[in-house]
């Protein structure tokens, strides 16, 4: 089973060959791919390494997590894989019902949030003034 590792905190002046040599010093069969900026084609500071077995992955994490590489302490940890099937099914069916059938926009229950205060709670900007007014009213003696 292939293990995918996140390799973060890469230096700005990353030379991928140097990092690949570092991986090769630990073991064979480690493939690394840096994540590049679309516009500048520069490294965005992280990438992913694919390793063929768990023991080798644990060894890479142990040796390289916190390792000083060109002035940056690398961060190496197991990557959480995105499940591609669940993303596409979520798009068509946000509530998990209808088993693959698209849901019309009217069927989706929307939650509307409001910044308006609830009727029970006074506006916090006026809470101090309101409590003073309530106290004055309570202390007033009216002839009925």
N, C-alpha and C. Protein backbone atom coordinates (compact mmCIF):
# COMPACT_ATOMS: atom_id res chain seq x y z
N UNK A 1 0.84 -1.18 0.00
CA UNK A 1 0.00 0.00 0.00
C UNK A 1 0.89 1.24 0.00
N UNK A 2 0.55 2.18 -0.83
CA UNK A 2 1.32 3.42 -0.93
C UNK A 2 0.90 4.39 0.17
N UNK A 3 1.89 5.05 0.76
CA UNK A 3 1.64 6.01 1.82
C UNK A 3 2.00 7.39 1.28
N UNK A 4 1.15 8.35 1.55
CA UNK A 4 1.38 9.71 1.09
C UNK A 4 1.75 10.58 2.29
N UNK A 5 2.88 11.29 2.18
CA UNK A 5 3.33 12.16 3.25
C UNK A 5 3.26 13.61 2.82
N UNK A 6 2.86 14.46 3.74
CA UNK A 6 2.89 15.91 3.54
C UNK A 6 4.28 16.37 3.96
N UNK A 7 4.92 17.17 3.10
CA UNK A 7 6.22 17.74 3.41
C UNK A 7 6.05 19.25 3.34
N UNK A 8 6.11 19.91 4.50
CA UNK A 8 5.85 21.34 4.55
C UNK A 8 7.03 22.13 5.07
N UNK A 9 6.85 23.44 5.07
CA UNK A 9 7.86 24.40 5.51
C UNK A 9 9.11 24.31 4.64
N UNK A 10 8.88 24.13 3.34
CA UNK A 10 10.00 24.08 2.40
C UNK A 10 10.53 25.49 2.17
N UNK A 11 11.85 25.64 1.96
CA UNK A 11 12.41 26.97 1.76
C UNK A 11 11.96 27.57 0.43
N UNK A 12 11.98 28.91 0.34
CA UNK A 12 11.57 29.60 -0.88
C UNK A 12 12.46 29.23 -2.06
N UNK A 13 13.75 29.06 -1.80
CA UNK A 13 14.70 28.77 -2.88
C UNK A 13 14.89 27.26 -3.03
N UNK A 14 13.81 26.52 -3.01
CA UNK A 14 13.86 25.06 -3.05
C UNK A 14 14.44 24.57 -4.37
N UNK A 15 15.41 23.68 -4.23
CA UNK A 15 15.92 22.94 -5.39
C UNK A 15 15.43 21.50 -5.21
N UNK A 16 14.51 21.10 -6.05
CA UNK A 16 13.84 19.80 -5.89
C UNK A 16 14.86 18.67 -5.93
N UNK A 17 15.90 18.81 -6.73
CA UNK A 17 16.93 17.76 -6.83
C UNK A 17 17.58 17.51 -5.46
N UNK A 18 17.86 18.60 -4.71
CA UNK A 18 18.46 18.46 -3.38
C UNK A 18 17.54 17.69 -2.44
N UNK A 19 16.24 18.00 -2.49
CA UNK A 19 15.29 17.31 -1.63
C UNK A 19 15.16 15.85 -2.05
N UNK A 20 15.15 15.58 -3.35
CA UNK A 20 15.07 14.20 -3.82
C UNK A 20 16.30 13.41 -3.39
N UNK A 21 17.48 14.06 -3.39
CA UNK A 21 18.70 13.41 -2.90
C UNK A 21 18.58 13.09 -1.42
N UNK A 22 17.98 13.99 -0.65
CA UNK A 22 17.77 13.76 0.77
C UNK A 22 16.86 12.55 0.98
N UNK A 23 15.78 12.46 0.20
CA UNK A 23 14.89 11.30 0.29
C UNK A 23 15.63 10.02 -0.12
N UNK A 24 16.45 10.11 -1.17
CA UNK A 24 17.17 8.94 -1.65
C UNK A 24 18.17 8.44 -0.61
N UNK A 25 18.70 9.34 0.23
CA UNK A 25 19.63 8.92 1.27
C UNK A 25 18.94 8.07 2.34
N UNK A 26 17.63 8.21 2.46
CA UNK A 26 16.87 7.44 3.44
C UNK A 26 16.46 6.09 2.86
N UNK A 27 16.04 6.09 1.60
CA UNK A 27 15.62 4.84 0.98
C UNK A 27 15.21 5.05 -0.46
N UNK A 28 15.01 3.95 -1.16
CA UNK A 28 14.63 4.01 -2.57
C UNK A 28 13.11 3.95 -2.70
N UNK A 29 12.63 4.43 -3.83
CA UNK A 29 11.19 4.34 -4.11
C UNK A 29 10.38 5.49 -3.52
N UNK A 30 11.04 6.57 -3.14
CA UNK A 30 10.31 7.73 -2.60
C UNK A 30 10.16 8.74 -3.73
N UNK A 31 8.92 9.05 -4.05
CA UNK A 31 8.64 10.01 -5.12
C UNK A 31 8.10 11.29 -4.50
N UNK A 32 8.65 12.44 -4.89
CA UNK A 32 8.25 13.72 -4.32
C UNK A 32 7.72 14.63 -5.41
N UNK A 33 6.65 15.35 -5.09
CA UNK A 33 6.10 16.34 -6.02
C UNK A 33 5.80 17.60 -5.23
N UNK A 34 6.46 18.70 -5.61
CA UNK A 34 6.23 19.98 -4.95
C UNK A 34 4.98 20.62 -5.53
N UNK A 35 4.25 21.36 -4.70
CA UNK A 35 3.09 22.10 -5.17
C UNK A 35 3.59 23.48 -5.60
N UNK A 36 3.32 23.81 -6.87
CA UNK A 36 3.83 25.05 -7.46
C UNK A 36 2.73 26.07 -7.65
N UNK A 37 3.11 27.34 -7.57
CA UNK A 37 2.19 28.43 -7.84
C UNK A 37 1.84 28.43 -9.32
N UNK A 38 0.59 28.62 -9.66
CA UNK A 38 0.16 28.57 -11.07
C UNK A 38 0.80 29.66 -11.91
N UNK A 39 0.93 30.85 -11.33
CA UNK A 39 1.43 31.98 -12.10
C UNK A 39 2.95 32.03 -12.16
N UNK A 40 3.60 31.93 -11.00
CA UNK A 40 5.05 32.11 -10.95
C UNK A 40 5.83 30.82 -11.11
N UNK A 41 5.15 29.68 -10.99
CA UNK A 41 5.78 28.34 -11.05
C UNK A 41 6.79 28.12 -9.93
N UNK A 42 6.74 28.96 -8.89
CA UNK A 42 7.62 28.79 -7.73
C UNK A 42 6.94 27.86 -6.73
N UNK A 43 7.74 27.22 -5.91
CA UNK A 43 7.21 26.30 -4.90
C UNK A 43 6.39 27.09 -3.88
N UNK A 44 5.23 26.55 -3.51
CA UNK A 44 4.36 27.21 -2.54
C UNK A 44 4.73 26.88 -1.10
N UNK A 45 5.81 26.14 -0.91
CA UNK A 45 6.28 25.86 0.45
C UNK A 45 5.91 24.50 0.97
N UNK A 46 5.27 23.67 0.13
CA UNK A 46 4.94 22.33 0.56
C UNK A 46 4.83 21.41 -0.64
N UNK A 47 4.77 20.13 -0.37
CA UNK A 47 4.63 19.13 -1.42
C UNK A 47 4.24 17.81 -0.79
N UNK A 48 4.23 16.77 -1.62
CA UNK A 48 3.82 15.45 -1.15
C UNK A 48 4.80 14.40 -1.62
N UNK A 49 5.09 13.45 -0.74
CA UNK A 49 5.97 12.33 -1.07
C UNK A 49 5.15 11.06 -1.02
N UNK A 50 5.30 10.22 -2.02
CA UNK A 50 4.64 8.92 -2.05
C UNK A 50 5.68 7.85 -1.77
N UNK A 51 5.37 6.97 -0.84
CA UNK A 51 6.30 5.94 -0.39
C UNK A 51 5.57 4.61 -0.45
N UNK A 52 6.30 3.58 -0.85
CA UNK A 52 5.67 2.28 -1.11
C UNK A 52 5.23 1.50 0.13
N UNK A 53 5.88 1.71 1.28
CA UNK A 53 5.46 0.92 2.45
C UNK A 53 5.44 1.75 3.72
N UNK A 54 4.75 1.22 4.74
CA UNK A 54 4.55 1.93 6.00
C UNK A 54 5.84 2.11 6.78
N UNK A 55 6.70 1.07 6.79
CA UNK A 55 7.94 1.17 7.56
C UNK A 55 8.82 2.29 7.03
N UNK A 56 8.93 2.38 5.72
CA UNK A 56 9.75 3.43 5.10
C UNK A 56 9.14 4.80 5.40
N UNK A 57 7.81 4.90 5.37
CA UNK A 57 7.13 6.17 5.67
C UNK A 57 7.42 6.60 7.10
N UNK A 58 7.34 5.67 8.04
CA UNK A 58 7.64 5.99 9.43
C UNK A 58 9.09 6.44 9.59
N UNK A 59 9.99 5.79 8.87
CA UNK A 59 11.40 6.15 8.93
C UNK A 59 11.63 7.56 8.38
N UNK A 60 10.96 7.89 7.27
CA UNK A 60 11.10 9.22 6.69
C UNK A 60 10.57 10.28 7.66
N UNK A 61 9.42 10.02 8.27
CA UNK A 61 8.86 10.97 9.23
C UNK A 61 9.82 11.16 10.40
N UNK A 62 10.34 10.05 10.92
CA UNK A 62 11.24 10.11 12.07
C UNK A 62 12.51 10.90 11.77
N UNK A 63 13.08 10.69 10.58
CA UNK A 63 14.35 11.33 10.25
C UNK A 63 14.20 12.77 9.76
N UNK A 64 13.10 13.08 9.06
CA UNK A 64 13.02 14.39 8.41
C UNK A 64 12.10 15.39 9.10
N UNK A 65 11.22 14.95 9.98
CA UNK A 65 10.36 15.91 10.67
C UNK A 65 11.21 16.74 11.62
N UNK A 66 11.28 18.06 11.36
CA UNK A 66 12.12 18.94 12.16
C UNK A 66 13.53 19.08 11.62
N UNK A 67 13.85 18.38 10.54
CA UNK A 67 15.19 18.41 9.94
C UNK A 67 15.45 19.78 9.32
N UNK A 68 16.65 20.33 9.57
CA UNK A 68 17.02 21.64 9.02
C UNK A 68 17.45 21.46 7.57
N UNK A 69 16.63 21.95 6.65
CA UNK A 69 16.91 21.84 5.22
C UNK A 69 17.01 23.24 4.63
N UNK A 70 18.21 23.66 4.29
CA UNK A 70 18.47 24.99 3.72
C UNK A 70 17.88 26.11 4.58
N UNK A 71 18.00 25.99 5.89
CA UNK A 71 17.55 27.05 6.79
C UNK A 71 16.10 26.94 7.22
N UNK A 72 15.38 25.92 6.80
CA UNK A 72 13.99 25.72 7.22
C UNK A 72 13.85 24.36 7.88
N UNK A 73 13.12 24.33 8.99
CA UNK A 73 12.84 23.05 9.64
C UNK A 73 11.66 22.40 8.94
N UNK A 74 11.91 21.26 8.30
CA UNK A 74 10.86 20.57 7.55
C UNK A 74 9.78 20.05 8.48
N UNK A 75 8.58 20.01 7.97
CA UNK A 75 7.44 19.41 8.68
C UNK A 75 6.98 18.23 7.83
N UNK A 76 7.12 17.04 8.36
CA UNK A 76 6.77 15.83 7.61
C UNK A 76 5.77 15.03 8.43
N UNK A 77 4.62 14.74 7.81
CA UNK A 77 3.57 13.96 8.49
C UNK A 77 2.73 13.24 7.46
N UNK A 78 1.97 12.27 7.93
CA UNK A 78 1.09 11.54 7.00
C UNK A 78 0.01 12.48 6.48
N UNK A 79 -0.24 12.36 5.20
CA UNK A 79 -1.25 13.20 4.56
C UNK A 79 -2.60 12.51 4.66
N UNK A 80 -3.64 13.31 4.81
CA UNK A 80 -4.99 12.77 4.79
C UNK A 80 -5.49 12.83 3.36
N UNK A 81 -5.77 11.70 2.80
CA UNK A 81 -6.22 11.65 1.40
C UNK A 81 -7.63 12.18 1.29
N UNK A 82 -7.86 12.92 0.19
CA UNK A 82 -9.23 13.35 -0.10
C UNK A 82 -9.92 12.20 -0.82
N UNK A 83 -11.14 11.94 -0.45
CA UNK A 83 -11.92 10.91 -1.13
C UNK A 83 -12.62 11.56 -2.31
N UNK A 84 -12.16 11.27 -3.52
CA UNK A 84 -12.70 11.95 -4.71
C UNK A 84 -14.16 11.59 -4.96
N UNK A 85 -14.57 10.38 -4.61
CA UNK A 85 -15.96 9.99 -4.86
C UNK A 85 -16.92 10.75 -3.96
N UNK A 86 -16.53 11.00 -2.72
CA UNK A 86 -17.45 11.69 -1.81
C UNK A 86 -17.62 13.15 -2.20
N UNK A 87 -16.60 13.75 -2.78
CA UNK A 87 -16.70 15.16 -3.19
C UNK A 87 -17.72 15.32 -4.31
N UNK A 88 -17.68 14.42 -5.29
CA UNK A 88 -18.62 14.56 -6.41
C UNK A 88 -20.04 14.24 -5.96
N UNK A 89 -20.20 13.27 -5.05
CA UNK A 89 -21.56 12.96 -4.61
C UNK A 89 -22.11 14.07 -3.73
N UNK A 90 -21.22 14.76 -2.99
CA UNK A 90 -21.69 15.87 -2.17
C UNK A 90 -22.20 17.00 -3.03
N UNK A 91 -21.57 17.21 -4.17
CA UNK A 91 -22.00 18.28 -5.06
C UNK A 91 -23.42 18.05 -5.55
N UNK A 92 -23.72 16.81 -5.91
CA UNK A 92 -25.05 16.50 -6.42
C UNK A 92 -26.07 16.29 -5.32
N UNK A 93 -25.60 15.94 -4.14
CA UNK A 93 -26.51 15.55 -3.08
C UNK A 93 -25.96 15.97 -1.72
N UNK A 94 -26.18 17.19 -1.31
CA UNK A 94 -25.58 17.67 -0.07
C UNK A 94 -26.11 17.02 1.20
N UNK A 95 -27.26 16.36 1.16
CA UNK A 95 -27.83 15.81 2.38
C UNK A 95 -27.74 14.29 2.46
N UNK A 96 -27.13 13.65 1.47
CA UNK A 96 -26.94 12.21 1.52
C UNK A 96 -28.18 11.41 1.26
N UNK A 97 -29.23 12.00 0.72
CA UNK A 97 -30.44 11.26 0.40
C UNK A 97 -30.56 11.09 -1.10
N UNK A 98 -31.53 10.36 -1.55
CA UNK A 98 -31.86 10.14 -2.96
C UNK A 98 -30.81 9.33 -3.71
N UNK A 99 -29.79 8.82 -3.06
CA UNK A 99 -28.81 7.87 -3.63
C UNK A 99 -28.40 8.22 -5.06
N UNK A 100 -27.70 9.32 -5.22
CA UNK A 100 -27.12 9.67 -6.52
C UNK A 100 -28.00 10.53 -7.40
N UNK A 101 -29.27 10.71 -7.04
CA UNK A 101 -30.13 11.55 -7.85
C UNK A 101 -29.85 13.01 -7.52
N UNK A 102 -29.77 13.87 -8.52
CA UNK A 102 -29.54 15.29 -8.24
C UNK A 102 -30.70 15.88 -7.43
N UNK A 103 -30.39 16.79 -6.56
CA UNK A 103 -31.39 17.44 -5.72
C UNK A 103 -31.64 18.82 -6.29
N UNK A 104 -32.91 19.16 -6.46
CA UNK A 104 -33.20 20.49 -6.98
C UNK A 104 -32.93 21.53 -5.90
N UNK A 105 -32.68 22.74 -6.31
CA UNK A 105 -32.32 23.81 -5.36
C UNK A 105 -33.45 24.08 -4.37
N UNK A 106 -34.70 23.87 -4.78
CA UNK A 106 -35.82 24.14 -3.91
C UNK A 106 -35.93 23.10 -2.79
N UNK A 107 -35.41 21.89 -3.03
CA UNK A 107 -35.50 20.84 -2.02
C UNK A 107 -34.49 21.00 -0.90
N UNK A 108 -33.44 21.75 -1.15
CA UNK A 108 -32.39 21.93 -0.15
C UNK A 108 -32.87 22.93 0.89
N UNK A 109 -32.85 22.52 2.15
CA UNK A 109 -33.27 23.40 3.22
C UNK A 109 -32.11 24.33 3.56
N UNK A 110 -32.32 25.60 3.41
CA UNK A 110 -31.27 26.57 3.66
C UNK A 110 -31.41 27.11 5.07
N UNK A 111 -30.28 27.34 5.69
CA UNK A 111 -30.25 27.95 7.02
C UNK A 111 -29.88 29.40 6.81
N UNK A 112 -30.74 30.28 7.24
CA UNK A 112 -30.50 31.70 7.08
C UNK A 112 -30.05 32.26 8.43
N UNK A 113 -28.91 32.91 8.42
CA UNK A 113 -28.39 33.52 9.63
C UNK A 113 -28.70 35.00 9.59
N UNK A 114 -29.01 35.54 10.73
CA UNK A 114 -29.32 36.95 10.80
C UNK A 114 -28.47 37.61 11.86
N UNK A 115 -28.06 38.83 11.60
CA UNK A 115 -27.31 39.59 12.59
C UNK A 115 -28.25 40.32 13.55
N UNK A 116 -29.54 40.26 13.29
CA UNK A 116 -30.50 40.94 14.15
C UNK A 116 -30.54 40.25 15.49
N UNK A 117 -30.57 41.01 16.59
CA UNK A 117 -30.62 40.38 17.91
C UNK A 117 -31.97 39.70 18.12
N UNK A 118 -31.96 38.69 18.96
CA UNK A 118 -33.22 38.02 19.26
C UNK A 118 -34.05 38.92 20.16
N UNK A 119 -35.34 38.62 20.25
CA UNK A 119 -36.24 39.47 21.02
C UNK A 119 -35.95 39.39 22.51
N UNK A 120 -35.41 38.26 22.99
CA UNK A 120 -35.14 38.11 24.41
C UNK A 120 -33.94 38.94 24.84
N UNK A 121 -32.95 39.06 23.99
CA UNK A 121 -31.72 39.74 24.38
C UNK A 121 -31.72 41.18 23.87
N UNK A 122 -31.39 42.14 24.73
CA UNK A 122 -31.31 43.53 24.27
C UNK A 122 -30.04 43.72 23.42
N UNK A 123 -30.05 44.77 22.66
CA UNK A 123 -28.88 45.12 21.86
C UNK A 123 -27.72 45.38 22.82
N UNK A 124 -26.60 44.70 22.66
CA UNK A 124 -25.50 44.85 23.62
C UNK A 124 -24.94 46.26 23.67
N UNK A 125 -25.12 47.03 22.62
CA UNK A 125 -24.61 48.41 22.63
C UNK A 125 -25.38 49.28 23.62
N UNK A 126 -26.63 48.90 23.88
CA UNK A 126 -27.48 49.71 24.75
C UNK A 126 -27.83 49.00 26.06
N UNK A 127 -27.21 47.90 26.34
CA UNK A 127 -27.57 47.10 27.51
C UNK A 127 -27.37 47.89 28.80
N UNK A 128 -26.28 48.65 28.90
CA UNK A 128 -26.03 49.44 30.10
C UNK A 128 -27.09 50.49 30.31
N UNK A 129 -27.43 51.22 29.24
CA UNK A 129 -28.46 52.25 29.33
C UNK A 129 -29.82 51.65 29.65
N UNK A 130 -30.11 50.51 29.06
CA UNK A 130 -31.39 49.86 29.28
C UNK A 130 -31.54 49.45 30.75
N UNK A 131 -30.49 48.91 31.33
CA UNK A 131 -30.58 48.49 32.73
C UNK A 131 -30.78 49.70 33.64
N UNK A 132 -30.16 50.84 33.32
CA UNK A 132 -30.36 52.06 34.11
C UNK A 132 -31.81 52.53 34.02
N UNK A 133 -32.37 52.50 32.80
CA UNK A 133 -33.76 52.92 32.62
C UNK A 133 -34.72 52.00 33.38
N UNK A 134 -34.47 50.70 33.33
CA UNK A 134 -35.33 49.75 34.05
C UNK A 134 -35.26 50.00 35.55
N UNK A 135 -34.05 50.33 36.05
CA UNK A 135 -33.89 50.60 37.47
C UNK A 135 -34.65 51.88 37.86
N UNK A 136 -34.57 52.91 37.02
CA UNK A 136 -35.31 54.16 37.30
C UNK A 136 -36.81 53.93 37.32
N UNK A 137 -37.29 53.13 36.34
CA UNK A 137 -38.72 52.82 36.30
C UNK A 137 -39.16 52.04 37.53
N UNK A 138 -38.36 51.10 37.97
CA UNK A 138 -38.72 50.29 39.12
C UNK A 138 -38.76 51.14 40.40
N UNK A 139 -37.90 52.14 40.49
CA UNK A 139 -37.83 52.99 41.68
C UNK A 139 -38.88 54.10 41.67
N UNK A 140 -39.52 54.32 40.55
CA UNK A 140 -40.54 55.36 40.47
C UNK A 140 -41.81 54.94 41.20
N UNK A 141 -42.37 55.85 41.94
CA UNK A 141 -43.64 55.58 42.62
C UNK A 141 -44.71 56.37 41.88
N UNK A 142 -45.64 55.70 41.33
CA UNK A 142 -46.71 56.37 40.61
C UNK A 142 -48.02 56.25 41.37
N UNK A 143 -48.80 57.29 41.30
CA UNK A 143 -50.10 57.27 41.95
C UNK A 143 -51.10 56.69 40.97
N UNK A 144 -51.69 55.62 41.36
CA UNK A 144 -52.65 54.98 40.47
C UNK A 144 -54.04 55.19 40.97
